Amino acid sequence: MAGGRSAICHLPPAACSLMIIGVDYTAAAWQGAGIGRYTRELLAAAIPRDRALRYVLFYAAGGLPPESPYLRDLAALCAANPNVRARPIPISPRLLTIIWQRLRMPIPVEAMIGRIDILHAPDFVLPPTRARTLLTVHDLTFMVRPETADARLRRYLMAAVPRSLRRADMVLADSQATRADLGRLLGVGAGRVRVLYPGVSPRFRPLPAAACEPLRAQLGLPDSFLLFVSTLEPRKNLVRLIEAFDRLSAMGGPPELSLVIAGRRGWLYEEIFAAVGRLGLTERVRFVDFIDDAHLPGVYNLARAFVYPSLYEGFGLPALEAMACGTPVVTADVSSLPEVVGDAAVLVDPLDPGAIAGGILRALDDAVRLRAAGPAQARRFSWGTAAADLIDTYRALAGPRY
């Protein structure tokens, strides 16, 4: 598929009389976590649910390795579902962004993928199109916490997102908190915004120790550790987390605890590593690169607690995944996070390292209750429910014709 090769599956001729939904699959084809995983999970649940809907999944394919596991996932999705085809566009994501968003060249997506009735853009910005439009905005970090965003990306989003919102016929938000931010900061009327909660995969669940212990040796994990999982960037508040971890021993915390920070380097991450050196924690803070999706449930299960003191989240999927695994969760009392975790996690002030440390101790003391409450709360969020809501949104957007 990469490099402009022909689509890996095709719609039947009769599809021309049915609703055709074009979905920008670029993030799903390139990204392991974040919006990429969100898009893969949501479409994998939605596509088989209503075979009367036809999908064209298009993506910028220039430079995409043909052995990519996400292309294998896409091939399997198409092979299992006759109502979907993949459409690679043989240019890079950067060039496609320049053409459509920076230069604003009015080349409609239909010129590259054929006729569609609805265009769904699940990654903040809309390409040119003649179809009805659905835009997903996951968060407004670049406005709410501008100091945590990459400067160039923030400038781009400040121009491209409001422009896309003006063009969008309907908008999806990941949470009520993001829906409120869209109205408060960008004046998007509540009637145009629907909340579509992401889900958590059934593979995130409590697992027996015997199933998880091999991962400890494979990934070099300590015997007793706190866990953080996400991209290393300022919004995740890792410097304060490290400072909180440093205070635990003085507050009576278990001296054997380590802190495992799992995630790829994003931007403005230098202070994170500097904090570890400044506090003399090199032996007790372990950095692990991106963890494969298949290993994540086991790693969550191995952790004593999951700590996620983010300054702002549109949803906060890692906290939900950890809860689904029965791992006690400590997270911030800001933005969407209280909405997601309910009373099944410990909420803390993310600006206060002492409060974060105290929250960790409370989670360790209350581990039995939290291990039971977490999975129950997580079951409120499923990809099946999200898929049903997405299909309802498509049909509402298309109108009575379909």
Protein backbone atom coordinates (compact mmCIF):
# COMPACT_ATOMS: atom_id res chain seq x y z
CA MET A 1 0.00 0.00 0.00
CA ALA A 2 2.81 2.44 0.82
CA GLY A 3 4.25 4.58 -1.91
CA GLY A 4 0.99 4.75 -3.86
CA ARG A 5 0.42 1.08 -4.62
CA SER A 6 -3.17 0.08 -5.32
CA ALA A 7 -5.70 -0.24 -2.51
CA ILE A 8 -5.69 -3.55 -0.69
CA CYS A 9 -9.44 -4.07 -0.93
CA HIS A 10 -12.24 -2.74 -3.09
CA LEU A 11 -15.86 -1.77 -2.75
CA PRO A 12 -18.49 -3.61 -4.81
CA PRO A 13 -20.05 -1.65 -7.68
CA ALA A 14 -23.35 -1.36 -5.80
CA ALA A 15 -21.60 0.76 -3.18
CA CYS A 16 -22.03 3.85 -5.34
CA SER A 17 -25.67 4.08 -4.20
CA LEU A 18 -24.84 3.74 -0.50
CA MET A 19 -23.34 6.15 2.00
CA ILE A 20 -19.56 6.39 1.56
CA ILE A 21 -17.51 7.73 4.44
CA GLY A 22 -13.96 8.90 3.84
CA VAL A 23 -11.78 8.78 6.94
CA ASP A 24 -8.36 10.38 7.22
CA TYR A 25 -6.39 7.35 8.42
CA THR A 26 -2.95 9.02 8.37
CA ALA A 27 -2.42 9.06 12.15
CA ALA A 28 -3.58 5.43 12.37
CA ALA A 29 -1.09 4.40 9.67
CA TRP A 30 1.86 6.15 11.32
CA GLN A 31 1.37 6.48 15.09
CA GLY A 32 1.59 3.71 17.65
CA ALA A 33 -0.12 5.60 20.45
CA GLY A 34 -2.38 8.61 20.88
CA ILE A 35 -4.62 9.54 17.97
CA GLY A 36 -3.24 6.67 15.90
CA ARG A 37 -4.43 4.06 18.37
CA TYR A 38 -7.70 5.92 18.95
CA THR A 39 -8.49 5.86 15.22
CA ARG A 40 -7.58 2.18 14.78
CA GLU A 41 -9.63 1.05 17.77
CA LEU A 42 -12.67 3.16 16.89
CA LEU A 43 -12.84 2.11 13.25
CA ALA A 44 -12.13 -1.55 14.02
CA ALA A 45 -15.24 -1.49 16.22
CA ALA A 46 -17.41 0.63 13.90
CA ILE A 47 -16.76 -0.87 10.46
CA PRO A 48 -18.21 -4.37 11.11
CA ARG A 49 -21.14 -2.95 13.03
CA ASP A 50 -23.12 -1.65 10.05
CA ARG A 51 -22.21 -3.18 6.69
CA ALA A 52 -24.58 -0.78 4.91
CA LEU A 53 -21.97 1.94 5.42
CA ARG A 54 -18.98 2.02 3.07
CA TYR A 55 -15.61 3.34 4.16
CA VAL A 56 -12.59 4.69 2.31
CA LEU A 57 -9.61 4.92 4.65
CA PHE A 58 -7.09 7.27 3.06
CA TYR A 59 -3.65 8.13 4.35
CA ALA A 60 -0.41 9.81 3.40
CA ALA A 61 1.81 6.87 2.46
CA GLY A 62 5.04 8.46 1.26
CA GLY A 63 7.93 7.08 3.32
CA LEU A 64 5.78 4.64 5.28
CA PRO A 65 7.66 1.34 5.75
CA PRO A 66 5.77 -1.46 4.01
CA GLU A 67 6.46 -3.74 6.99
CA SER A 68 4.64 -1.37 9.37
CA PRO A 69 2.45 -3.30 11.84
CA TYR A 70 -0.26 -0.68 11.36
CA LEU A 71 -0.43 -1.51 7.66
CA ARG A 72 -0.81 -5.17 8.59
CA ASP A 73 -3.67 -4.18 10.88
CA LEU A 74 -5.26 -2.23 8.04
CA ALA A 75 -4.88 -5.13 5.61
CA ALA A 76 -6.57 -7.46 8.11
CA LEU A 77 -9.40 -4.96 8.66
CA CYS A 78 -10.06 -4.74 4.92
CA ALA A 79 -9.80 -8.50 4.40
CA ALA A 80 -12.43 -9.11 7.08
CA ASN A 81 -14.85 -6.40 5.96
CA PRO A 82 -16.08 -6.04 2.37
CA ASN A 83 -17.45 -2.55 3.13
CA VAL A 84 -14.01 -0.93 3.47
CA ARG A 85 -11.11 -0.15 1.22
CA ALA A 86 -7.77 1.51 1.89
CA ARG A 87 -6.52 4.34 -0.28
CA PRO A 88 -2.84 5.29 0.11
CA ILE A 89 -1.88 8.75 -1.14
CA PRO A 90 1.74 8.54 -2.40
CA ILE A 91 3.13 11.61 -0.64
CA SER A 92 4.42 12.15 2.90
CA PRO A 93 2.25 13.41 5.77
CA ARG A 94 4.34 16.57 5.95
CA LEU A 95 3.86 17.35 2.25
CA LEU A 96 0.15 16.62 2.42
CA THR A 97 -0.14 18.99 5.40
CA ILE A 98 1.75 21.68 3.49
CA ILE A 99 -0.52 21.29 0.46
CA TRP A 100 -3.82 21.25 2.33
CA GLN A 101 -3.19 23.27 5.48
CA ARG A 102 -0.23 25.62 5.06
CA LEU A 103 -0.61 26.53 1.37
CA ARG A 104 -4.37 25.84 1.53
CA MET A 105 -4.43 24.54 -2.01
CA PRO A 106 -8.09 23.77 -2.87
CA ILE A 107 -7.48 20.23 -4.08
CA PRO A 108 -10.45 18.27 -2.74
CA VAL A 109 -9.80 14.90 -1.21
CA GLU A 110 -12.27 13.47 -3.73
CA ALA A 111 -9.67 14.11 -6.47
CA MET A 112 -7.47 11.51 -4.75
CA ILE A 113 -9.95 8.98 -3.36
CA GLY A 114 -13.16 9.31 -5.37
CA ARG A 115 -16.68 10.24 -4.33
CA ILE A 116 -17.59 10.35 -0.65
CA ASP A 117 -20.68 11.55 1.20
CA ILE A 118 -19.05 12.28 4.55
CA LEU A 119 -15.48 13.20 5.38
CA HIS A 120 -14.37 12.30 8.91
CA ALA A 121 -11.12 13.92 10.06
CA PRO A 122 -10.15 12.37 13.42
CA ASP A 123 -6.98 14.46 13.90
CA PHE A 124 -7.95 18.13 14.44
CA VAL A 125 -7.91 19.44 10.84
CA LEU A 126 -10.08 19.06 7.72
CA PRO A 127 -8.76 18.64 4.20
CA PRO A 128 -10.64 20.31 1.33
CA THR A 129 -13.75 18.37 0.37
CA ARG A 130 -17.16 18.67 -1.26
CA ALA A 131 -18.69 16.26 1.28
CA ARG A 132 -20.38 16.81 4.62
CA THR A 133 -17.74 17.09 7.31
CA LEU A 134 -17.13 15.60 10.75
CA LEU A 135 -14.13 16.85 12.73
CA THR A 136 -12.72 15.28 15.90
CA VAL A 137 -10.99 17.66 18.31
CA HIS A 138 -9.42 15.68 21.14
CA ASP A 139 -8.27 18.59 23.28
CA LEU A 140 -7.24 22.24 23.19
CA THR A 141 -3.87 21.93 24.88
CA PHE A 142 -2.35 24.47 22.51
CA MET A 143 -4.75 27.09 23.94
CA VAL A 144 -5.29 25.94 27.53
CA ARG A 145 -1.62 25.13 28.23
CA PRO A 146 0.31 26.94 25.47
CA GLU A 147 3.55 26.84 27.46
CA THR A 148 3.59 23.04 27.18
CA ALA A 149 3.21 22.87 23.41
CA ASP A 150 5.91 22.82 20.77
CA ALA A 151 6.02 26.41 19.50
CA ARG A 152 5.82 25.56 15.80
CA LEU A 153 3.02 23.05 16.31
CA ARG A 154 1.11 25.55 18.43
CA ARG A 155 1.32 28.24 15.74
CA TYR A 156 0.08 25.75 13.16
CA LEU A 157 -2.83 24.53 15.30
CA MET A 158 -3.84 28.07 16.29
CA ALA A 159 -4.48 28.76 12.60
CA ALA A 160 -5.60 25.37 11.29
CA VAL A 161 -7.97 24.19 14.04
CA PRO A 162 -10.24 27.27 14.21
CA ARG A 163 -10.35 27.31 10.40
CA SER A 164 -11.35 23.63 10.36
CA LEU A 165 -13.95 24.18 13.05
CA ARG A 166 -15.59 26.90 10.99
CA ARG A 167 -15.89 24.46 8.08
CA ALA A 168 -17.05 21.45 10.08
CA ASP A 169 -20.71 20.50 9.88
CA MET A 170 -20.38 18.55 13.13
CA VAL A 171 -17.65 18.19 15.77
CA LEU A 172 -16.74 15.28 18.03
CA ALA A 173 -15.09 15.88 21.41
CA ASP A 174 -13.55 13.22 23.65
CA SER A 175 -15.16 14.55 26.84
CA GLN A 176 -17.58 17.05 28.28
CA ALA A 177 -14.54 19.03 29.42
CA THR A 178 -13.28 19.39 25.84
CA ARG A 179 -16.79 20.22 24.64
CA ALA A 180 -16.89 23.04 27.20
CA ASP A 181 -13.43 24.25 26.13
CA LEU A 182 -14.58 24.41 22.48
CA GLY A 183 -17.44 26.68 23.46
CA ARG A 184 -15.48 28.79 25.95
CA LEU A 185 -12.35 29.34 23.87
CA LEU A 186 -13.51 29.08 20.26
CA GLY A 187 -17.21 29.85 20.40
CA VAL A 188 -18.31 26.50 18.95
CA GLY A 189 -22.02 26.14 19.65
CA ALA A 190 -22.98 23.21 21.86
CA GLY A 191 -25.47 22.04 19.24
CA ARG A 192 -22.64 21.30 16.80
CA VAL A 193 -20.56 19.27 19.28
CA ARG A 194 -21.17 15.68 20.29
CA VAL A 195 -19.20 13.91 23.00
CA LEU A 196 -17.85 10.54 21.87
CA TYR A 197 -15.97 8.90 24.71
CA PRO A 198 -13.07 6.67 23.68
CA GLY A 199 -13.14 3.12 24.97
CA VAL A 200 -10.76 0.69 26.57
CA SER A 201 -9.94 -2.62 24.92
CA PRO A 202 -10.93 -5.86 26.72
CA ARG A 203 -7.26 -6.87 26.70
CA PHE A 204 -6.73 -4.35 29.51
CA ARG A 205 -7.84 -6.42 32.50
CA PRO A 206 -6.44 -7.90 35.71
CA LEU A 207 -4.00 -10.69 34.85
CA PRO A 208 -2.45 -13.47 36.96
CA ALA A 209 1.08 -12.82 38.13
CA ALA A 210 2.41 -15.78 36.17
CA ALA A 211 1.29 -14.16 32.92
CA CYS A 212 3.04 -10.86 33.71
CA GLU A 213 6.31 -11.82 35.38
CA PRO A 214 8.15 -12.74 32.14
CA LEU A 215 7.74 -9.10 31.08
CA ARG A 216 9.61 -7.94 34.17
CA ALA A 217 12.78 -9.63 32.99
CA GLN A 218 12.17 -8.87 29.32
CA LEU A 219 11.80 -5.12 29.90
CA GLY A 220 14.15 -4.87 32.87
CA LEU A 221 11.47 -3.67 35.28
CA PRO A 222 12.13 -3.38 39.04
CA ASP A 223 10.51 -5.62 41.63
CA SER A 224 8.37 -2.78 43.05
CA PHE A 225 7.56 0.30 41.00
CA LEU A 226 5.25 3.17 40.24
CA LEU A 227 4.41 3.55 36.56
CA PHE A 228 3.87 6.43 34.17
CA VAL A 229 3.01 5.77 30.49
CA SER A 230 2.79 8.47 27.83
CA THR A 231 4.91 10.70 25.60
CA LEU A 232 7.63 12.66 27.39
CA GLU A 233 6.54 16.28 27.05
CA PRO A 234 5.77 19.19 29.42
CA ARG A 235 1.99 18.70 29.59
CA LYS A 236 2.51 15.36 31.32
CA ASN A 237 4.03 17.16 34.33
CA LEU A 238 6.89 14.72 34.79
CA VAL A 239 9.24 17.10 36.59
CA ARG A 240 6.72 17.48 39.42
CA LEU A 241 6.12 13.73 39.42
CA ILE A 242 9.86 13.12 39.88
CA GLU A 243 9.95 15.71 42.66
CA ALA A 244 6.99 13.98 44.31
CA PHE A 245 8.71 10.61 44.03
CA ASP A 246 11.76 12.11 45.72
CA ARG A 247 9.63 13.08 48.74
CA LEU A 248 8.05 9.67 49.28
CA SER A 249 10.71 8.19 51.54
CA ALA A 250 10.62 11.19 53.87
CA MET A 251 6.82 10.86 54.04
CA GLY A 252 7.01 7.20 55.06
CA GLY A 253 6.73 5.64 51.62
CA PRO A 254 8.16 2.20 50.80
CA PRO A 255 11.93 2.60 50.40
CA GLU A 256 12.11 -0.16 47.78
CA LEU A 257 9.88 1.67 45.30
CA SER A 258 11.22 2.70 41.90
CA LEU A 259 9.60 4.93 39.30
CA VAL A 260 9.27 3.65 35.74
CA ILE A 261 8.62 6.27 33.05
CA ALA A 262 7.58 4.60 29.80
CA GLY A 263 7.20 6.57 26.60
CA ARG A 264 9.03 8.06 23.69
CA ARG A 265 10.65 11.48 23.84
CA GLY A 266 8.33 14.14 22.50
CA TRP A 267 9.44 17.75 22.92
CA LEU A 268 10.87 20.01 25.62
CA TYR A 269 11.79 16.93 27.64
CA GLU A 270 15.30 17.97 28.74
CA GLU A 271 14.12 19.19 32.16
CA ILE A 272 12.74 15.73 32.91
CA PHE A 273 16.15 14.08 32.70
CA ALA A 274 17.77 17.05 34.45
CA ALA A 275 15.39 16.62 37.41
CA VAL A 276 16.45 12.98 37.85
CA GLY A 277 20.12 14.00 37.99
CA ARG A 278 19.48 17.04 40.20
CA LEU A 279 17.70 14.93 42.80
CA GLY A 280 20.15 12.04 42.68
CA LEU A 281 17.53 9.54 41.50
CA THR A 282 19.42 7.92 38.65
CA GLU A 283 19.30 4.49 40.30
CA ARG A 284 15.62 4.68 41.22
CA VAL A 285 14.02 6.23 38.13
CA ARG A 286 13.97 3.97 35.08
CA PHE A 287 13.20 5.28 31.59
CA VAL A 288 11.69 2.75 29.20
CA ASP A 289 11.05 3.58 25.55
CA PHE A 290 7.69 3.04 23.86
CA ILE A 291 6.03 -0.16 25.10
CA ASP A 292 4.33 -2.27 22.49
CA ASP A 293 0.54 -2.43 22.81
CA ALA A 294 0.69 -6.17 23.37
CA HIS A 295 2.85 -5.67 26.47
CA LEU A 296 0.97 -2.77 28.04
CA PRO A 297 -1.64 -4.79 29.99
CA GLY A 298 1.08 -6.85 31.63
CA VAL A 299 3.13 -3.79 32.54
CA TYR A 300 0.10 -2.07 34.08
CA ASN A 301 -0.58 -5.22 36.11
CA LEU A 302 3.00 -5.34 37.41
CA ALA A 303 2.92 -1.77 38.76
CA ARG A 304 2.09 -0.99 42.39
CA ALA A 305 0.30 2.16 41.19
CA PHE A 306 -0.07 4.21 38.03
CA VAL A 307 0.66 7.93 38.41
CA TYR A 308 -0.61 10.36 35.77
CA PRO A 309 -0.47 13.96 37.06
CA SER A 310 -1.05 15.58 33.66
CA LEU A 311 -1.71 19.31 33.52
CA TYR A 312 -4.45 18.89 30.91
CA GLU A 313 -6.10 16.01 29.05
CA GLY A 314 -8.89 15.76 26.52
CA PHE A 315 -9.61 12.28 27.89
CA GLY A 316 -6.63 10.54 29.53
CA LEU A 317 -6.74 7.03 28.09
CA PRO A 318 -3.67 5.66 29.98
CA ALA A 319 -5.40 6.30 33.32
CA LEU A 320 -8.46 4.39 32.10
CA GLU A 321 -6.33 1.49 30.83
CA ALA A 322 -4.53 1.24 34.16
CA MET A 323 -7.83 1.19 36.05
CA ALA A 324 -9.15 -1.52 33.74
CA CYS A 325 -6.15 -3.63 34.77
CA GLY A 326 -6.98 -3.13 38.44
CA THR A 327 -3.93 -0.93 39.06
CA PRO A 328 -4.46 1.86 41.62
CA VAL A 329 -4.40 5.21 39.82
CA VAL A 330 -3.28 8.65 40.96
CA THR A 331 -4.20 11.45 38.58
CA ALA A 332 -4.84 15.19 38.39
CA ASP A 333 -8.05 16.88 39.42
CA VAL A 334 -8.16 18.97 36.22
CA SER A 335 -9.81 19.00 32.79
CA SER A 336 -11.40 15.68 31.76
CA LEU A 337 -9.61 13.43 34.24
CA PRO A 338 -12.19 13.52 37.09
CA GLU A 339 -14.88 12.88 34.45
CA VAL A 340 -13.04 9.73 33.32
CA VAL A 341 -11.87 8.19 36.60
CA GLY A 342 -14.85 9.04 38.83
CA ASP A 343 -14.27 7.90 42.41
CA ALA A 344 -12.10 4.95 41.32
CA ALA A 345 -8.81 6.89 41.51
CA VAL A 346 -6.99 9.30 43.79
CA LEU A 347 -7.21 12.90 42.54
CA VAL A 348 -4.45 15.40 43.33
CA ASP A 349 -3.40 18.97 42.62
CA PRO A 350 -0.92 18.54 39.74
CA LEU A 351 0.90 21.78 40.59
CA ASP A 352 1.92 20.57 44.07
CA PRO A 353 4.59 17.82 44.29
CA GLY A 354 3.69 17.32 47.94
CA ALA A 355 0.05 16.67 47.01
CA ILE A 356 1.14 14.21 44.31
CA ALA A 357 3.33 12.37 46.82
CA GLY A 358 0.50 12.27 49.34
CA GLY A 359 -1.83 10.92 46.67
CA ILE A 360 0.60 8.11 45.89
CA LEU A 361 0.69 7.11 49.54
CA ARG A 362 -3.11 7.15 49.75
CA ALA A 363 -3.36 4.97 46.65
CA LEU A 364 -0.92 2.43 48.10
CA ASP A 365 -2.85 2.38 51.39
CA ASP A 366 -6.22 2.07 49.61
CA ALA A 367 -5.02 -0.43 46.99
CA VAL A 368 -7.64 -3.10 47.75
CA ARG A 369 -10.58 -0.75 47.14
CA LEU A 370 -9.00 0.85 44.07
CA ARG A 371 -8.17 -2.51 42.50
CA ALA A 372 -11.86 -3.41 42.69
CA ALA A 373 -13.24 0.01 41.73
CA GLY A 374 -10.97 0.58 38.73
CA PRO A 375 -12.23 -2.17 36.42
CA ALA A 376 -15.85 -1.32 37.26
CA GLN A 377 -15.31 2.32 36.29
CA ALA A 378 -13.42 1.34 33.13
CA ARG A 379 -16.32 -0.81 31.96
CA ARG A 380 -18.34 2.37 31.47
CA PHE A 381 -16.15 3.16 28.44
CA SER A 382 -16.17 0.66 25.58
CA TRP A 383 -15.20 0.85 21.93
CA GLY A 384 -18.50 -0.85 21.12
CA THR A 385 -20.42 2.05 22.64
CA ALA A 386 -18.11 4.53 20.92
CA ALA A 387 -18.67 2.78 17.58
CA ALA A 388 -22.46 2.91 17.98
CA ASP A 389 -22.26 6.63 18.80
CA LEU A 390 -20.05 7.22 15.76
CA ILE A 391 -22.48 5.50 13.41
CA ASP A 392 -25.39 7.47 14.88
CA THR A 393 -23.37 10.62 14.21
CA TYR A 394 -22.68 9.63 10.60
CA ARG A 395 -26.37 9.00 9.97
CA ALA A 396 -27.43 12.23 11.66
CA LEU A 397 -24.92 14.14 9.55
CA ALA A 398 -26.01 12.49 6.30
CA GLY A 399 -29.70 13.15 6.90
CA PRO A 400 -32.82 11.13 5.95
CA ARG A 401 -31.52 10.18 2.50
CA TYR A 402 -29.55 7.35 4.12
